[in-house]
Amino acid sequence: MPNHRRPLAAVALVCASAAVLLTGCAIQDRVCSSGQYPVKAVRNTGGDCVPDGQEPVEGWVRYPEGKVPVYVGDEWDRYWDDRFLDENGRIVEGP
Protein backbone atom coordinates (compact mmCIF):
# COMPACT_ATOMS: atom_id res chain seq x y z
CA MET A 1 0.00 0.00 0.00
CA PRO A 2 1.58 3.37 -1.06
CA ASN A 3 2.11 6.18 1.45
CA HIS A 4 0.03 9.16 0.19
CA ARG A 5 0.77 11.39 3.15
CA ARG A 6 4.27 12.38 2.06
CA PRO A 7 3.29 14.04 -1.24
CA LEU A 8 0.38 15.82 0.46
CA ALA A 9 2.67 17.14 3.19
CA ALA A 10 5.15 18.37 0.56
CA VAL A 11 2.39 20.15 -1.38
CA ALA A 12 1.09 21.76 1.80
CA LEU A 13 4.60 22.94 2.72
CA VAL A 14 5.15 24.44 -0.74
CA CYS A 15 1.78 26.23 -0.62
CA ALA A 16 2.44 27.60 2.86
CA SER A 17 5.90 28.82 1.83
CA ALA A 18 4.51 30.52 -1.26
CA ALA A 19 1.80 32.23 0.78
CA VAL A 20 4.36 33.61 3.25
CA LEU A 21 6.61 34.88 0.47
CA LEU A 22 3.80 36.46 -1.52
CA THR A 23 2.06 38.21 1.36
CA GLY A 24 5.19 39.07 3.33
CA CYS A 25 6.54 41.26 0.56
CA ALA A 26 3.27 42.87 -0.42
CA ILE A 27 2.06 44.17 2.93
CA GLN A 28 2.46 47.93 3.34
CA ASP A 29 0.88 50.18 5.93
CA ARG A 30 -1.34 52.84 4.44
CA VAL A 31 -0.96 56.42 5.68
CA CYS A 32 -4.73 56.58 6.25
CA SER A 33 -7.44 53.99 6.74
CA SER A 34 -10.04 53.23 4.10
CA GLY A 35 -12.53 56.09 3.81
CA GLN A 36 -9.94 58.71 4.80
CA TYR A 37 -7.38 60.90 3.06
CA PRO A 38 -4.13 62.42 4.39
CA VAL A 39 -3.76 66.09 5.31
CA LYS A 40 -0.76 68.13 6.42
CA ALA A 41 -0.49 70.69 9.21
CA VAL A 42 0.11 74.23 7.94
CA ARG A 43 3.80 75.22 8.27
CA ASN A 44 4.54 72.03 10.19
CA THR A 45 5.77 68.51 9.41
CA GLY A 46 2.74 66.93 11.11
CA GLY A 47 0.12 64.93 9.27
CA ASP A 48 -3.29 63.46 9.99
CA CYS A 49 -6.25 61.83 8.23
CA VAL A 50 -9.68 63.27 7.46
CA PRO A 51 -12.82 61.32 6.50
CA ASP A 52 -13.57 61.33 2.77
CA GLY A 53 -16.07 64.03 1.88
CA GLN A 54 -14.98 66.37 4.68
CA GLU A 55 -12.67 69.34 4.33
CA PRO A 56 -9.65 69.68 6.62
CA VAL A 57 -10.18 71.86 9.70
CA GLU A 58 -8.40 75.19 10.09
CA GLY A 59 -4.65 74.75 10.35
CA TRP A 60 -4.64 71.72 8.04
CA VAL A 61 -4.52 71.49 4.23
CA ARG A 62 -4.68 68.87 1.52
CA TYR A 63 -1.44 67.74 -0.07
CA PRO A 64 -0.76 69.12 -3.56
CA GLU A 65 -2.14 66.89 -6.33
CA GLY A 66 0.36 64.23 -7.35
CA LYS A 67 2.35 64.58 -4.11
CA VAL A 68 0.03 62.73 -1.73
CA PRO A 69 1.57 60.03 0.47
CA VAL A 70 -0.29 56.73 0.26
CA TYR A 71 1.93 54.26 2.13
CA VAL A 72 4.10 54.80 5.19
CA GLY A 73 7.65 55.28 3.93
CA ASP A 74 6.71 55.76 0.27
CA GLU A 75 8.34 58.48 -1.87
CA TRP A 76 5.88 61.21 -0.86
CA ASP A 77 5.76 60.23 2.80
CA ARG A 78 9.54 60.69 2.97
CA TYR A 79 9.39 63.85 0.82
CA TRP A 80 7.14 65.63 3.34
CA ASP A 81 9.35 64.79 6.34
CA ASP A 82 11.12 68.14 6.00
CA ARG A 83 8.85 70.24 3.77
CA PHE A 84 6.03 72.58 4.69
CA LEU A 85 2.77 73.83 3.20
CA ASP A 86 1.18 77.23 3.69
CA GLU A 87 -2.51 77.79 4.35
CA ASN A 88 -3.17 77.63 0.58
CA GLY A 89 -1.46 74.27 0.17
CA ARG A 90 1.66 75.71 -1.49
CA ILE A 91 5.12 74.38 -0.67
CA VAL A 92 7.11 76.90 1.41
CA GLU A 93 10.63 77.04 2.79
CA GLY A 94 10.86 76.47 6.54
CA PRO A 95 8.06 76.76 9.07
PDB file of N, CA and C in Angstrom:
ATOM      1  N   MET A   1       0.843  -1.179   0.000  1.00  0.00           N
ATOM      2  CA  MET A   1       0.000   0.000   0.000  1.00  0.00           C
ATOM      3  C   MET A   1       0.893   1.248   0.000  1.00  0.00           C
ATOM      4  N   PRO A   2       0.733   2.175  -0.981  1.00  0.00           N
ATOM      5  CA  PRO A   2       1.583   3.366  -1.057  1.00  0.00           C
ATOM      6  C   PRO A   2       1.267   4.371   0.059  1.00  0.00           C
ATOM      7  N   ASN A   3       2.268   5.159   0.410  1.00  0.00           N
ATOM      8  CA  ASN A   3       2.111   6.183   1.452  1.00  0.00           C
ATOM      9  C   ASN A   3       1.767   7.517   0.765  1.00  0.00           C
ATOM     10  N   HIS A   4       0.485   7.929   0.852  1.00  0.00           N
ATOM     11  CA  HIS A   4       0.031   9.165   0.190  1.00  0.00           C
ATOM     12  C   HIS A   4       0.244  10.412   1.041  1.00  0.00           C
ATOM     13  N   ARG A   5       0.628  10.230   2.258  1.00  0.00           N
ATOM     14  CA  ARG A   5       0.771  11.392   3.147  1.00  0.00           C
ATOM     15  C   ARG A   5       1.989  12.241   2.811  1.00  0.00           C
ATOM     16  N   ARG A   6       3.065  11.625   2.363  1.00  0.00           N
ATOM     17  CA  ARG A   6       4.272  12.381   2.061  1.00  0.00           C
ATOM     18  C   ARG A   6       4.067  13.394   0.939  1.00  0.00           C
ATOM     19  N   PRO A   7       3.505  13.026  -0.194  1.00  0.00           N
ATOM     20  CA  PRO A   7       3.286  14.035  -1.238  1.00  0.00           C
ATOM     21  C   PRO A   7       2.325  15.136  -0.796  1.00  0.00           C
ATOM     22  N   LEU A   8       1.307  14.804  -0.019  1.00  0.00           N
ATOM     23  CA  LEU A   8       0.378  15.821   0.463  1.00  0.00           C
ATOM     24  C   LEU A   8       1.071  16.798   1.412  1.00  0.00           C
ATOM     25  N   ALA A   9       1.926  16.282   2.256  1.00  0.00           N
ATOM     26  CA  ALA A   9       2.670  17.142   3.185  1.00  0.00           C
ATOM     27  C   ALA A   9       3.611  18.079   2.414  1.00  0.00           C
ATOM     28  N   ALA A  10       4.239  17.555   1.365  1.00  0.00           N
ATOM     29  CA  ALA A  10       5.148  18.371   0.556  1.00  0.00           C
ATOM     30  C   ALA A  10       4.377  19.481  -0.154  1.00  0.00           C
ATOM     31  N   VAL A  11       3.217  19.151  -0.704  1.00  0.00           N
ATOM     32  CA  VAL A  11       2.393  20.151  -1.383  1.00  0.00           C
ATOM     33  C   VAL A  11       1.942  21.218  -0.393  1.00  0.00           C
ATOM     34  N   ALA A  12       1.527  20.800   0.782  1.00  0.00           N
ATOM     35  CA  ALA A  12       1.089  21.756   1.802  1.00  0.00           C
ATOM     36  C   ALA A  12       2.242  22.677   2.200  1.00  0.00           C
ATOM     37  N   LEU A  13       3.431  22.133   2.350  1.00  0.00           N
ATOM     38  CA  LEU A  13       4.598  22.938   2.718  1.00  0.00           C
ATOM     39  C   LEU A  13       4.933  23.950   1.616  1.00  0.00           C
ATOM     40  N   VAL A  14       4.876  23.533   0.370  1.00  0.00           N
ATOM     41  CA  VAL A  14       5.155  24.440  -0.741  1.00  0.00           C
ATOM     42  C   VAL A  14       4.115  25.557  -0.785  1.00  0.00           C
ATOM     43  N   CYS A  15       2.850  25.210  -0.611  1.00  0.00           N
ATOM     44  CA  CYS A  15       1.785  26.226  -0.623  1.00  0.00           C
ATOM     45  C   CYS A  15       1.948  27.216   0.523  1.00  0.00           C
ATOM     46  N   ALA A  16       2.259  26.718   1.700  1.00  0.00           N
ATOM     47  CA  ALA A  16       2.445  27.600   2.860  1.00  0.00           C
ATOM     48  C   ALA A  16       3.632  28.524   2.639  1.00  0.00           C
ATOM     49  N   SER A  17       4.718  27.995   2.094  1.00  0.00           N
ATOM     50  CA  SER A  17       5.903  28.823   1.828  1.00  0.00           C
ATOM     51  C   SER A  17       5.600  29.908   0.805  1.00  0.00           C
ATOM     52  N   ALA A  18       4.875  29.545  -0.241  1.00  0.00           N
ATOM     53  CA  ALA A  18       4.514  30.519  -1.265  1.00  0.00           C
ATOM     54  C   ALA A  18       3.626  31.614  -0.684  1.00  0.00           C
ATOM     55  N   ALA A  19       2.689  31.244   0.169  1.00  0.00           N
ATOM     56  CA  ALA A  19       1.799  32.232   0.783  1.00  0.00           C
ATOM     57  C   ALA A  19       2.585  33.214   1.634  1.00  0.00           C
ATOM     58  N   VAL A  20       3.544  32.727   2.401  1.00  0.00           N
ATOM     59  CA  VAL A  20       4.364  33.608   3.247  1.00  0.00           C
ATOM     60  C   VAL A  20       5.182  34.554   2.385  1.00  0.00           C
ATOM     61  N   LEU A  21       5.788  34.037   1.338  1.00  0.00           N
ATOM     62  CA  LEU A  21       6.610  34.884   0.469  1.00  0.00           C
ATOM     63  C   LEU A  21       5.777  35.928  -0.259  1.00  0.00           C
ATOM     64  N   LEU A  22       4.629  35.534  -0.760  1.00  0.00           N
ATOM     65  CA  LEU A  22       3.802  36.464  -1.521  1.00  0.00           C
ATOM     66  C   LEU A  22       3.191  37.544  -0.651  1.00  0.00           C
ATOM     67  N   THR A  23       2.697  37.199   0.512  1.00  0.00           N
ATOM     68  CA  THR A  23       2.063  38.207   1.359  1.00  0.00           C
ATOM     69  C   THR A  23       3.085  38.984   2.171  1.00  0.00           C
ATOM     70  N   GLY A  24       4.175  38.394   2.536  1.00  0.00           N
ATOM     71  CA  GLY A  24       5.191  39.075   3.335  1.00  0.00           C
ATOM     72  C   GLY A  24       5.805  40.253   2.618  1.00  0.00           C
ATOM     73  N   CYS A  25       5.930  40.184   1.323  1.00  0.00           N
ATOM     74  CA  CYS A  25       6.543  41.259   0.555  1.00  0.00           C
ATOM     75  C   CYS A  25       5.529  42.303   0.106  1.00  0.00           C
ATOM     76  N   ALA A  26       4.266  41.966   0.127  1.00  0.00           N
ATOM     77  CA  ALA A  26       3.268  42.865  -0.424  1.00  0.00           C
ATOM     78  C   ALA A  26       2.565  43.711   0.629  1.00  0.00           C
ATOM     79  N   ILE A  27       2.776  43.448   1.883  1.00  0.00           N
ATOM     80  CA  ILE A  27       2.062  44.170   2.927  1.00  0.00           C
ATOM     81  C   ILE A  27       2.743  45.513   3.178  1.00  0.00           C
ATOM     82  N   GLN A  28       1.976  46.595   3.037  1.00  0.00           N
ATOM     83  CA  GLN A  28       2.460  47.934   3.335  1.00  0.00           C
ATOM     84  C   GLN A  28       1.391  48.635   4.154  1.00  0.00           C
ATOM     85  N   ASP A  29       1.831  49.404   5.125  1.00  0.00           N
ATOM     86  CA  ASP A  29       0.883  50.177   5.932  1.00  0.00           C
ATOM     87  C   ASP A  29       0.470  51.422   5.175  1.00  0.00           C
ATOM     88  N   ARG A  30      -0.829  51.638   5.076  1.00  0.00           N
ATOM     89  CA  ARG A  30      -1.342  52.840   4.436  1.00  0.00           C
ATOM     90  C   ARG A  30      -1.237  54.016   5.405  1.00  0.00           C
ATOM     91  N   VAL A  31      -1.028  55.201   4.870  1.00  0.00           N
ATOM     92  CA  VAL A  31      -0.960  56.417   5.683  1.00  0.00           C
ATOM     93  C   VAL A  31      -2.295  56.639   6.389  1.00  0.00           C
ATOM     94  N   CYS A  32      -3.389  56.416   5.679  1.00  0.00           N
ATOM     95  CA  CYS A  32      -4.731  56.581   6.249  1.00  0.00           C
ATOM     96  C   CYS A  32      -5.543  55.306   6.036  1.00  0.00           C
ATOM     97  N   SER A  33      -6.531  55.126   6.875  1.00  0.00           N
ATOM     98  CA  SER A  33      -7.439  53.992   6.741  1.00  0.00           C
ATOM     99  C   SER A  33      -8.373  54.205   5.552  1.00  0.00           C
ATOM    100  N   SER A  34      -9.043  53.146   5.165  1.00  0.00           N
ATOM    101  CA  SER A  34     -10.036  53.234   4.102  1.00  0.00           C
ATOM    102  C   SER A  34     -11.104  54.252   4.492  1.00  0.00           C
ATOM    103  N   GLY A  35     -11.518  55.076   3.536  1.00  0.00           N
ATOM    104  CA  GLY A  35     -12.527  56.089   3.815  1.00  0.00           C
ATOM    105  C   GLY A  35     -11.947  57.382   4.362  1.00  0.00           C
ATOM    106  N   GLN A  36     -10.615  57.506   4.328  1.00  0.00           N
ATOM    107  CA  GLN A  36      -9.945  58.714   4.796  1.00  0.00           C
ATOM    108  C   GLN A  36      -8.896  59.144   3.784  1.00  0.00           C
ATOM    109  N   TYR A  37      -8.483  60.413   3.881  1.00  0.00           N
ATOM    110  CA  TYR A  37      -7.376  60.899   3.058  1.00  0.00           C
ATOM    111  C   TYR A  37      -6.410  61.683   3.956  1.00  0.00           C
ATOM    112  N   PRO A  38      -5.117  61.733   3.563  1.00  0.00           N
ATOM    113  CA  PRO A  38      -4.128  62.419   4.394  1.00  0.00           C
ATOM    114  C   PRO A  38      -4.157  63.933   4.224  1.00  0.00           C
ATOM    115  N   VAL A  39      -3.893  64.636   5.313  1.00  0.00           N
ATOM    116  CA  VAL A  39      -3.764  66.092   5.309  1.00  0.00           C
ATOM    117  C   VAL A  39      -2.478  66.459   6.049  1.00  0.00           C
ATOM    118  N   LYS A  40      -2.018  67.670   5.808  1.00  0.00           N
ATOM    119  CA  LYS A  40      -0.765  68.135   6.423  1.00  0.00           C
ATOM    120  C   LYS A  40      -1.031  69.394   7.232  1.00  0.00           C
ATOM    121  N   ALA A  41      -0.370  69.499   8.371  1.00  0.00           N
ATOM    122  CA  ALA A  41      -0.488  70.688   9.206  1.00  0.00           C
ATOM    123  C   ALA A  41       0.193  71.863   8.498  1.00  0.00           C
ATOM    124  N   VAL A  42      -0.434  73.029   8.555  1.00  0.00           N
ATOM    125  CA  VAL A  42       0.114  74.234   7.942  1.00  0.00           C
ATOM    126  C   VAL A  42       1.427  74.594   8.630  1.00  0.00           C
ATOM    127  N   ARG A  43       2.466  74.815   7.813  1.00  0.00           N
ATOM    128  CA  ARG A  43       3.802  75.223   8.274  1.00  0.00           C
ATOM    129  C   ARG A  43       4.345  74.315   9.376  1.00  0.00           C
ATOM    130  N   ASN A  44       4.113  73.019   9.208  1.00  0.00           N
ATOM    131  CA  ASN A  44       4.536  72.028  10.186  1.00  0.00           C
ATOM    132  C   ASN A  44       4.773  70.716   9.454  1.00  0.00           C
ATOM    133  N   THR A  45       5.532  69.812  10.046  1.00  0.00           N
ATOM    134  CA  THR A  45       5.775  68.513   9.414  1.00  0.00           C
ATOM    135  C   THR A  45       4.700  67.492   9.790  1.00  0.00           C
ATOM    136  N   GLY A  46       3.764  67.866  10.656  1.00  0.00           N
ATOM    137  CA  GLY A  46       2.741  66.927  11.112  1.00  0.00           C
ATOM    138  C   GLY A  46       1.731  66.570  10.040  1.00  0.00           C
ATOM    139  N   GLY A  47       1.142  65.396  10.187  1.00  0.00           N
ATOM    140  CA  GLY A  47       0.120  64.933   9.270  1.00  0.00           C
ATOM    141  C   GLY A  47      -1.009  64.263  10.034  1.00  0.00           C
ATOM    142  N   ASP A  48      -2.133  64.109   9.374  1.00  0.00           N
ATOM    143  CA  ASP A  48      -3.294  63.461   9.987  1.00  0.00           C
ATOM    144  C   ASP A  48      -4.165  62.919   8.860  1.00  0.00           C
ATOM    145  N   CYS A  49      -5.306  62.361   9.209  1.00  0.00           N
ATOM    146  CA  CYS A  49      -6.250  61.830   8.233  1.00  0.00           C
ATOM    147  C   CYS A  49      -7.624  62.429   8.488  1.00  0.00           C
ATOM    148  N   VAL A  50      -8.344  62.671   7.403  1.00  0.00           N
ATOM    149  CA  VAL A  50      -9.680  63.269   7.462  1.00  0.00           C
ATOM    150  C   VAL A  50     -10.631  62.333   6.715  1.00  0.00           C
ATOM    151  N   PRO A  51     -11.852  62.166   7.218  1.00  0.00           N
ATOM    152  CA  PRO A  51     -12.822  61.320   6.504  1.00  0.00           C
ATOM    153  C   PRO A  51     -13.098  61.854   5.093  1.00  0.00           C
ATOM    154  N   ASP A  52     -13.207  60.933   4.134  1.00  0.00           N
ATOM    155  CA  ASP A  52     -13.568  61.326   2.769  1.00  0.00           C
ATOM    156  C   ASP A  52     -14.841  62.164   2.804  1.00  0.00           C
ATOM    157  N   GLY A  53     -14.897  63.178   1.963  1.00  0.00           N
ATOM    158  CA  GLY A  53     -16.075  64.031   1.880  1.00  0.00           C
ATOM    159  C   GLY A  53     -16.049  65.204   2.833  1.00  0.00           C
ATOM    160  N   GLN A  54     -15.106  65.232   3.756  1.00  0.00           N
ATOM    161  CA  GLN A  54     -14.978  66.365   4.676  1.00  0.00           C
ATOM    162  C   GLN A  54     -13.743  67.172   4.314  1.00  0.00           C
ATOM    163  N   GLU A  55     -13.822  68.468   4.543  1.00  0.00           N
ATOM    164  CA  GLU A  55     -12.671  69.342   4.326  1.00  0.00           C
ATOM    165  C   GLU A  55     -11.798  69.338   5.586  1.00  0.00           C
ATOM    166  N   PRO A  56     -10.503  69.584   5.439  1.00  0.00           N
ATOM    167  CA  PRO A  56      -9.646  69.683   6.619  1.00  0.00           C
ATOM    168  C   PRO A  56     -10.063  70.874   7.485  1.00  0.00           C
ATOM    169  N   VAL A  57      -9.875  70.756   8.792  1.00  0.00           N
ATOM    170  CA  VAL A  57     -10.184  71.860   9.701  1.00  0.00           C
ATOM    171  C   VAL A  57      -9.103  72.924   9.578  1.00  0.00           C
ATOM    172  N   GLU A  58      -9.353  74.095  10.146  1.00  0.00           N
ATOM    173  CA  GLU A  58      -8.397  75.194  10.094  1.00  0.00           C
ATOM    174  C   GLU A  58      -7.050  74.736  10.644  1.00  0.00           C
ATOM    175  N   GLY A  59      -5.998  75.128   9.951  1.00  0.00           N
ATOM    176  CA  GLY A  59      -4.649  74.749  10.350  1.00  0.00           C
ATOM    177  C   GLY A  59      -4.146  73.500   9.642  1.00  0.00           C
ATOM    178  N   TRP A  60      -4.997  72.916   8.807  1.00  0.00           N
ATOM    179  CA  TRP A  60      -4.644  71.718   8.044  1.00  0.00           C
ATOM    180  C   TRP A  60      -5.015  71.942   6.588  1.00  0.00           C
ATOM    181  N   VAL A  61      -4.244  71.361   5.663  1.00  0.00           N
ATOM    182  CA  VAL A  61      -4.518  71.493   4.232  1.00  0.00           C
ATOM    183  C   VAL A  61      -4.310  70.149   3.539  1.00  0.00           C
ATOM    184  N   ARG A  62      -4.905  70.046   2.355  1.00  0.00           N
ATOM    185  CA  ARG A  62      -4.683  68.873   1.519  1.00  0.00           C
ATOM    186  C   ARG A  62      -3.285  68.950   0.919  1.00  0.00           C
ATOM    187  N   TYR A  63      -2.715  67.788   0.636  1.00  0.00           N
ATOM    188  CA  TYR A  63      -1.437  67.744  -0.074  1.00  0.00           C
ATOM    189  C   TYR A  63      -1.660  68.182  -1.518  1.00  0.00           C
ATOM    190  N   PRO A  64      -0.632  68.759  -2.150  1.00  0.00           N
ATOM    191  CA  PRO A  64      -0.756  69.123  -3.565  1.00  0.00           C
ATOM    192  C   PRO A  64      -1.012  67.866  -4.413  1.00  0.00           C
ATOM    193  N   GLU A  65      -1.823  68.014  -5.450  1.00  0.00           N
ATOM    194  CA  GLU A  65      -2.141  66.893  -6.330  1.00  0.00           C
ATOM    195  C   GLU A  65      -0.856  66.269  -6.874  1.00  0.00           C
ATOM    196  N   GLY A  66      -0.804  64.958  -6.853  1.00  0.00           N
ATOM    197  CA  GLY A  66       0.362  64.232  -7.347  1.00  0.00           C
ATOM    198  C   GLY A  66       1.474  64.070  -6.331  1.00  0.00           C
ATOM    199  N   LYS A  67       1.324  64.664  -5.141  1.00  0.00           N
ATOM    200  CA  LYS A  67       2.354  64.583  -4.106  1.00  0.00           C
ATOM    201  C   LYS A  67       1.756  64.093  -2.788  1.00  0.00           C
ATOM    202  N   VAL A  68       0.752  63.231  -2.899  1.00  0.00           N
ATOM    203  CA  VAL A  68       0.033  62.731  -1.727  1.00  0.00           C
ATOM    204  C   VAL A  68       0.640  61.410  -1.279  1.00  0.00           C
ATOM    205  N   PRO A  69       1.066  61.314  -0.013  1.00  0.00           N
ATOM    206  CA  PRO A  69       1.570  60.027   0.471  1.00  0.00           C
ATOM    207  C   PRO A  69       0.434  59.014   0.587  1.00  0.00           C
ATOM    208  N   VAL A  70       0.705  57.789   0.177  1.00  0.00           N
ATOM    209  CA  VAL A  70      -0.291  56.727   0.262  1.00  0.00           C
ATOM    210  C   VAL A  70       0.132  55.680   1.277  1.00  0.00           C
ATOM    211  N   TYR A  71       1.402  55.280   1.226  1.00  0.00           N
ATOM    212  CA  TYR A  71       1.926  54.263   2.129  1.00  0.00           C
ATOM    213  C   TYR A  71       2.999  54.855   3.032  1.00  0.00           C
ATOM    214  N   VAL A  72       3.070  54.375   4.250  1.00  0.00           N
ATOM    215  CA  VAL A  72       4.104  54.798   5.188  1.00  0.00           C
ATOM    216  C   VAL A  72       5.462  54.463   4.572  1.00  0.00           C
ATOM    217  N   GLY A  73       6.309  55.470   4.473  1.00  0.00           N
ATOM    218  CA  GLY A  73       7.651  55.275   3.929  1.00  0.00           C
ATOM    219  C   GLY A  73       7.742  55.359   2.419  1.00  0.00           C
ATOM    220  N   ASP A  74       6.622  55.641   1.727  1.00  0.00           N
ATOM    221  CA  ASP A  74       6.709  55.762   0.269  1.00  0.00           C
ATOM    222  C   ASP A  74       7.414  57.071  -0.094  1.00  0.00           C
ATOM    223  N   GLU A  75       7.606  57.301  -1.391  1.00  0.00           N
ATOM    224  CA  GLU A  75       8.343  58.476  -1.873  1.00  0.00           C
ATOM    225  C   GLU A  75       7.787  59.779  -1.296  1.00  0.00           C
ATOM    226  N   TRP A  76       6.461  59.947  -1.311  1.00  0.00           N
ATOM    227  CA  TRP A  76       5.875  61.213  -0.856  1.00  0.00           C
ATOM    228  C   TRP A  76       5.824  61.302   0.657  1.00  0.00           C
ATOM    229  N   ASP A  77       5.707  60.205   1.342  1.00  0.00           N
ATOM    230  CA  ASP A  77       5.757  60.230   2.803  1.00  0.00           C
ATOM    231  C   ASP A  77       7.127  60.727   3.263  1.00  0.00           C
ATOM    232  N   ARG A  78       8.174  60.238   2.640  1.00  0.00           N
ATOM    233  CA  ARG A  78       9.542  60.693   2.973  1.00  0.00           C
ATOM    234  C   ARG A  78       9.762  62.142   2.524  1.00  0.00           C
ATOM    235  N   TYR A  79       9.232  62.499   1.363  1.00  0.00           N
ATOM    236  CA  TYR A  79       9.392  63.854   0.818  1.00  0.00           C
ATOM    237  C   TYR A  79       8.898  64.910   1.810  1.00  0.00           C
ATOM    238  N   TRP A  80       7.757  64.634   2.448  1.00  0.00           N
ATOM    239  CA  TRP A  80       7.138  65.626   3.336  1.00  0.00           C
ATOM    240  C   TRP A  80       7.740  65.648   4.739  1.00  0.00           C
ATOM    241  N   ASP A  81       8.714  64.802   5.015  1.00  0.00           N
ATOM    242  CA  ASP A  81       9.345  64.794   6.340  1.00  0.00           C
ATOM    243  C   ASP A  81       9.957  66.143   6.696  1.00  0.00           C
ATOM    244  N   ASP A  82      10.449  66.874   5.700  1.00  0.00           N
ATOM    245  CA  ASP A  82      11.116  68.143   5.995  1.00  0.00           C
ATOM    246  C   ASP A  82      10.651  69.288   5.078  1.00  0.00           C
ATOM    247  N   ARG A  83       9.428  69.177   4.600  1.00  0.00           N
ATOM    248  CA  ARG A  83       8.850  70.243   3.771  1.00  0.00           C
ATOM    249  C   ARG A  83       7.552  70.717   4.392  1.00  0.00           C
ATOM    250  N   PHE A  84       7.184  71.947   4.063  1.00  0.00           N
ATOM    251  CA  PHE A  84       6.031  72.579   4.694  1.00  0.00           C
ATOM    252  C   PHE A  84       5.057  73.094   3.639  1.00  0.00           C
ATOM    253  N   LEU A  85       3.805  73.236   4.039  1.00  0.00           N
ATOM    254  CA  LEU A  85       2.772  73.834   3.198  1.00  0.00           C
ATOM    255  C   LEU A  85       2.207  75.061   3.898  1.00  0.00           C
ATOM    256  N   ASP A  86       1.849  76.072   3.094  1.00  0.00           N
ATOM    257  CA  ASP A  86       1.183  77.230   3.690  1.00  0.00           C
ATOM    258  C   ASP A  86      -0.323  76.973   3.738  1.00  0.00           C
ATOM    259  N   GLU A  87      -1.065  77.962   4.179  1.00  0.00           N
ATOM    260  CA  GLU A  87      -2.514  77.789   4.353  1.00  0.00           C
ATOM    261  C   GLU A  87      -3.260  77.595   3.031  1.00  0.00           C
ATOM    262  N   ASN A  88      -2.572  77.844   1.904  1.00  0.00           N
ATOM    263  CA  ASN A  88      -3.171  77.626   0.583  1.00  0.00           C
ATOM    264  C   ASN A  88      -2.703  76.326  -0.063  1.00  0.00           C
ATOM    265  N   GLY A  89      -1.933  75.547   0.693  1.00  0.00           N
ATOM    266  CA  GLY A  89      -1.456  74.266   0.172  1.00  0.00           C
ATOM    267  C   GLY A  89      -0.243  74.369  -0.736  1.00  0.00           C
ATOM    268  N   ARG A  90       0.448  75.519  -0.693  1.00  0.00           N
ATOM    269  CA  ARG A  90       1.658  75.707  -1.488  1.00  0.00           C
ATOM    270  C   ARG A  90       2.888  75.349  -0.664  1.00  0.00           C
ATOM    271  N   ILE A  91       3.872  74.755  -1.328  1.00  0.00           N
ATOM    272  CA  ILE A  91       5.120  74.383  -0.670  1.00  0.00           C
ATOM    273  C   ILE A  91       5.890  75.649  -0.313  1.00  0.00           C
ATOM    274  N   VAL A  92       6.356  75.736   0.942  1.00  0.00           N
ATOM    275  CA  VAL A  92       7.114  76.896   1.409  1.00  0.00           C
ATOM    276  C   VAL A  92       8.399  76.423   2.061  1.00  0.00           C
ATOM    277  N   GLU A  93       9.360  77.330   2.129  1.00  0.00           N
ATOM    278  CA  GLU A  93      10.632  77.043   2.791  1.00  0.00           C
ATOM    279  C   GLU A  93      10.500  77.275   4.299  1.00  0.00           C
ATOM    280  N   GLY A  94      10.865  76.324   5.081  1.00  0.00           N
ATOM    281  CA  GLY A  94      10.861  76.466   6.537  1.00  0.00           C
ATOM    282  C   GLY A  94       9.465  76.691   7.110  1.00  0.00           C
ATOM    283  N   PRO A  95       9.357  76.582   8.417  1.00  0.00           N
ATOM    284  CA  PRO A  95       8.058  76.764   9.070  1.00  0.00           C
ATOM    285  C   PRO A  95       7.713  78.193   9.118  1.00  0.00           C
TER     286      PRO A  95
END
